[in-house]
């Protein structure tokens, strides 16, 4: 097989992994690729059709990842702005 410079040379869809692996605590999706833990674990055993189906769903999952509110620092900032004491 001749090397054409691409990393993925098989015929099935490549992985959507972007090497930012962090599971969102509420959505239970990877914040990098938007797959579930189960999908990530089963990816290598899936048929090309199953992978394509999941990859087609990924853009619709982005809104499921709500932005974190900022934890303690954000709460302290809200207290100061609403006039309540620390």
N, C-alpha and C. Protein backbone atom coordinates (compact mmCIF):
# COMPACT_ATOMS: atom_id res chain seq x y z
N UNK A 1 0.84 -1.18 0.00
CA UNK A 1 0.00 0.00 0.00
C UNK A 1 0.88 1.24 0.00
N UNK A 2 0.62 2.15 -0.85
CA UNK A 2 1.40 3.37 -0.98
C UNK A 2 0.90 4.41 0.03
N UNK A 3 1.82 5.11 0.68
CA UNK A 3 1.47 6.13 1.66
C UNK A 3 1.15 7.43 0.94
N UNK A 4 -0.10 7.88 1.07
CA UNK A 4 -0.51 9.12 0.40
C UNK A 4 -0.47 10.33 1.34
N UNK A 5 0.06 10.12 2.56
CA UNK A 5 0.18 11.23 3.50
C UNK A 5 -1.00 11.37 4.44
N UNK A 6 -2.07 10.61 4.25
CA UNK A 6 -3.21 10.70 5.15
C UNK A 6 -3.01 9.75 6.32
N UNK A 7 -3.58 10.08 7.45
CA UNK A 7 -3.45 9.24 8.63
C UNK A 7 -4.39 8.05 8.58
N UNK A 8 -5.55 8.22 7.99
CA UNK A 8 -6.56 7.17 7.96
C UNK A 8 -6.67 6.67 6.53
N UNK A 9 -6.32 5.42 6.30
CA UNK A 9 -6.30 4.94 4.92
C UNK A 9 -7.30 3.80 4.67
N UNK A 10 -8.11 3.45 5.67
CA UNK A 10 -9.10 2.40 5.46
C UNK A 10 -10.36 3.00 4.87
N UNK A 11 -11.23 2.14 4.35
CA UNK A 11 -12.41 2.63 3.65
C UNK A 11 -13.55 3.07 4.57
N UNK A 12 -13.55 2.62 5.85
CA UNK A 12 -14.64 3.02 6.73
C UNK A 12 -14.45 4.46 7.21
N UNK A 13 -15.54 5.07 7.70
CA UNK A 13 -15.42 6.47 8.16
C UNK A 13 -14.38 6.58 9.27
N UNK A 14 -13.61 7.62 9.24
CA UNK A 14 -12.62 7.80 10.28
C UNK A 14 -13.31 8.18 11.59
N UNK A 15 -12.58 8.11 12.63
CA UNK A 15 -13.11 8.44 13.95
C UNK A 15 -13.29 9.96 14.07
N UNK A 16 -14.34 10.40 14.76
CA UNK A 16 -14.51 11.83 14.98
C UNK A 16 -13.67 12.35 16.15
N UNK A 17 -12.85 11.48 16.74
CA UNK A 17 -12.04 11.86 17.90
C UNK A 17 -11.11 13.02 17.54
N UNK A 18 -11.08 14.03 18.42
CA UNK A 18 -10.18 15.17 18.24
C UNK A 18 -9.17 15.25 19.38
N UNK A 19 -9.06 14.14 20.14
CA UNK A 19 -8.11 14.02 21.25
C UNK A 19 -8.34 15.05 22.35
N UNK A 20 -9.59 15.43 22.53
CA UNK A 20 -10.02 16.24 23.68
C UNK A 20 -11.06 15.39 24.40
N UNK A 21 -10.58 14.49 25.23
CA UNK A 21 -11.46 13.49 25.84
C UNK A 21 -11.87 13.92 27.24
N UNK A 22 -13.07 14.44 27.34
CA UNK A 22 -13.62 14.89 28.61
C UNK A 22 -15.11 14.65 28.55
N UNK A 23 -15.63 13.86 29.48
CA UNK A 23 -17.05 13.53 29.47
C UNK A 23 -17.82 14.62 30.21
N UNK A 24 -18.81 15.19 29.55
CA UNK A 24 -19.66 16.22 30.14
C UNK A 24 -20.48 15.56 31.24
N UNK A 25 -20.52 16.16 32.45
CA UNK A 25 -21.16 15.50 33.59
C UNK A 25 -22.67 15.32 33.46
N UNK A 26 -23.34 16.16 32.73
CA UNK A 26 -24.80 16.04 32.60
C UNK A 26 -25.21 15.34 31.31
N UNK A 27 -24.61 15.71 30.20
CA UNK A 27 -24.98 15.13 28.91
C UNK A 27 -24.40 13.73 28.72
N UNK A 28 -23.31 13.41 29.47
CA UNK A 28 -22.63 12.11 29.37
C UNK A 28 -22.08 11.87 27.97
N UNK A 29 -21.63 12.95 27.33
CA UNK A 29 -21.02 12.90 26.01
C UNK A 29 -19.60 13.44 26.11
N UNK A 30 -18.74 12.96 25.24
CA UNK A 30 -17.39 13.51 25.16
C UNK A 30 -17.49 14.93 24.60
N UNK A 31 -16.87 15.88 25.26
CA UNK A 31 -16.94 17.27 24.79
C UNK A 31 -16.12 17.49 23.53
N UNK A 32 -15.21 16.58 23.22
CA UNK A 32 -14.41 16.70 22.00
C UNK A 32 -15.12 16.17 20.77
N UNK A 33 -15.58 14.92 20.84
CA UNK A 33 -16.16 14.28 19.64
C UNK A 33 -17.67 14.14 19.70
N UNK A 34 -18.27 14.37 20.85
CA UNK A 34 -19.72 14.31 21.07
C UNK A 34 -20.30 12.90 21.08
N UNK A 35 -19.43 11.88 21.17
CA UNK A 35 -19.92 10.51 21.28
C UNK A 35 -20.11 10.14 22.75
N UNK A 36 -20.98 9.14 22.99
CA UNK A 36 -21.15 8.62 24.34
C UNK A 36 -20.00 7.67 24.65
N UNK A 37 -19.84 7.33 25.92
CA UNK A 37 -18.79 6.39 26.31
C UNK A 37 -19.00 5.06 25.61
N UNK A 38 -20.25 4.62 25.53
CA UNK A 38 -20.56 3.36 24.87
C UNK A 38 -20.19 3.37 23.39
N UNK A 39 -20.47 4.48 22.73
CA UNK A 39 -20.12 4.60 21.31
C UNK A 39 -18.62 4.59 21.12
N UNK A 40 -17.90 5.27 22.00
CA UNK A 40 -16.44 5.31 21.90
C UNK A 40 -15.88 3.90 22.09
N UNK A 41 -16.38 3.19 23.10
CA UNK A 41 -15.89 1.85 23.39
C UNK A 41 -16.18 0.87 22.26
N UNK A 42 -17.32 1.01 21.61
CA UNK A 42 -17.74 0.06 20.57
C UNK A 42 -17.28 0.45 19.17
N UNK A 43 -16.68 1.62 19.02
CA UNK A 43 -16.36 2.16 17.69
C UNK A 43 -15.61 1.16 16.81
N UNK A 44 -14.61 0.51 17.35
CA UNK A 44 -13.79 -0.42 16.57
C UNK A 44 -14.54 -1.65 16.11
N UNK A 45 -15.65 -1.98 16.76
CA UNK A 45 -16.44 -3.15 16.39
C UNK A 45 -17.65 -2.81 15.53
N UNK A 46 -17.89 -1.52 15.30
CA UNK A 46 -19.07 -1.09 14.53
C UNK A 46 -18.84 -1.26 13.04
N UNK A 47 -19.94 -1.46 12.35
CA UNK A 47 -19.88 -1.51 10.89
C UNK A 47 -19.71 -0.08 10.36
N UNK A 48 -19.23 0.07 9.14
CA UNK A 48 -19.12 1.41 8.55
C UNK A 48 -20.47 2.14 8.54
N UNK A 49 -21.56 1.41 8.34
CA UNK A 49 -22.89 2.04 8.32
C UNK A 49 -23.26 2.58 9.70
N UNK A 50 -22.95 1.80 10.75
CA UNK A 50 -23.23 2.26 12.12
C UNK A 50 -22.41 3.51 12.44
N UNK A 51 -21.17 3.52 12.02
CA UNK A 51 -20.31 4.69 12.27
C UNK A 51 -20.84 5.92 11.53
N UNK A 52 -21.23 5.74 10.29
CA UNK A 52 -21.77 6.87 9.51
C UNK A 52 -23.03 7.43 10.16
N UNK A 53 -23.87 6.53 10.67
CA UNK A 53 -25.11 6.96 11.32
C UNK A 53 -24.81 7.81 12.56
N UNK A 54 -23.87 7.36 13.37
CA UNK A 54 -23.48 8.12 14.55
C UNK A 54 -22.86 9.45 14.15
N UNK A 55 -21.96 9.43 13.17
CA UNK A 55 -21.30 10.67 12.75
C UNK A 55 -22.32 11.68 12.21
N UNK A 56 -23.39 11.20 11.59
CA UNK A 56 -24.43 12.10 11.10
C UNK A 56 -25.20 12.74 12.24
N UNK A 57 -25.26 12.07 13.39
CA UNK A 57 -25.99 12.59 14.55
C UNK A 57 -25.18 13.59 15.37
N UNK A 58 -23.87 13.56 15.25
CA UNK A 58 -23.01 14.35 16.13
C UNK A 58 -23.29 15.86 16.10
N UNK A 59 -23.50 16.50 14.96
CA UNK A 59 -23.76 17.94 14.99
C UNK A 59 -25.01 18.32 15.80
N UNK A 60 -26.00 17.45 15.83
CA UNK A 60 -27.22 17.73 16.59
C UNK A 60 -27.02 17.60 18.10
N UNK A 61 -25.93 17.00 18.52
CA UNK A 61 -25.66 16.80 19.94
C UNK A 61 -24.99 18.01 20.59
N UNK A 62 -24.40 18.87 19.82
CA UNK A 62 -23.65 20.01 20.37
C UNK A 62 -24.48 20.84 21.35
N UNK A 63 -25.76 21.14 21.07
CA UNK A 63 -26.55 21.92 22.03
C UNK A 63 -26.77 21.23 23.37
N UNK A 64 -26.54 19.92 23.44
CA UNK A 64 -26.71 19.19 24.70
C UNK A 64 -25.63 19.53 25.71
N UNK A 65 -24.54 20.10 25.24
CA UNK A 65 -23.43 20.45 26.12
C UNK A 65 -23.62 21.88 26.61
N UNK A 66 -24.23 22.01 27.75
CA UNK A 66 -24.45 23.34 28.32
C UNK A 66 -23.15 23.85 28.92
N UNK A 67 -22.95 25.13 28.82
CA UNK A 67 -21.74 25.73 29.35
C UNK A 67 -21.80 25.72 30.87
N UNK A 68 -20.70 25.35 31.49
CA UNK A 68 -20.63 25.36 32.95
C UNK A 68 -20.76 26.79 33.44
N UNK A 69 -21.33 26.97 34.61
CA UNK A 69 -21.63 28.30 35.12
C UNK A 69 -20.45 28.99 35.78
N UNK A 70 -19.38 28.30 36.05
CA UNK A 70 -18.21 28.96 36.61
C UNK A 70 -17.90 28.61 38.05
N UNK A 71 -18.70 27.74 38.66
CA UNK A 71 -18.41 27.27 40.00
C UNK A 71 -18.43 28.36 41.05
N UNK A 72 -17.56 28.22 42.03
CA UNK A 72 -17.52 29.13 43.18
C UNK A 72 -17.22 30.57 42.76
N UNK A 73 -16.31 30.76 41.84
CA UNK A 73 -15.95 32.11 41.40
C UNK A 73 -17.17 32.83 40.83
N UNK A 74 -17.99 32.15 40.07
CA UNK A 74 -19.18 32.77 39.50
C UNK A 74 -20.20 33.08 40.58
N UNK A 75 -20.35 32.17 41.55
CA UNK A 75 -21.30 32.42 42.66
C UNK A 75 -20.88 33.65 43.45
N UNK A 76 -19.59 33.76 43.73
CA UNK A 76 -19.10 34.92 44.49
C UNK A 76 -19.33 36.21 43.71
N UNK A 77 -19.13 36.17 42.39
CA UNK A 77 -19.37 37.34 41.55
C UNK A 77 -20.83 37.75 41.55
N UNK A 78 -21.73 36.77 41.55
CA UNK A 78 -23.17 37.06 41.58
C UNK A 78 -23.57 37.69 42.90
N UNK A 79 -22.99 37.22 44.02
CA UNK A 79 -23.32 37.78 45.33
C UNK A 79 -22.94 39.27 45.38
N UNK A 80 -21.78 39.59 44.86
CA UNK A 80 -21.34 40.98 44.88
C UNK A 80 -22.24 41.84 44.01
N UNK A 81 -22.64 41.33 42.86
CA UNK A 81 -23.45 42.14 41.96
C UNK A 81 -24.90 42.27 42.39
N UNK A 82 -25.42 41.31 43.20
CA UNK A 82 -26.81 41.43 43.64
C UNK A 82 -26.94 42.08 45.01
N UNK A 83 -25.80 42.50 45.59
CA UNK A 83 -25.84 43.23 46.84
C UNK A 83 -25.80 42.35 48.09
N UNK A 84 -25.82 41.05 47.93
CA UNK A 84 -25.79 40.19 49.11
C UNK A 84 -24.37 40.11 49.64
N UNK A 85 -24.24 39.76 50.89
CA UNK A 85 -22.91 39.71 51.50
C UNK A 85 -22.26 38.37 51.24
N UNK A 86 -20.93 38.34 51.40
CA UNK A 86 -20.19 37.09 51.19
C UNK A 86 -20.27 36.27 52.39
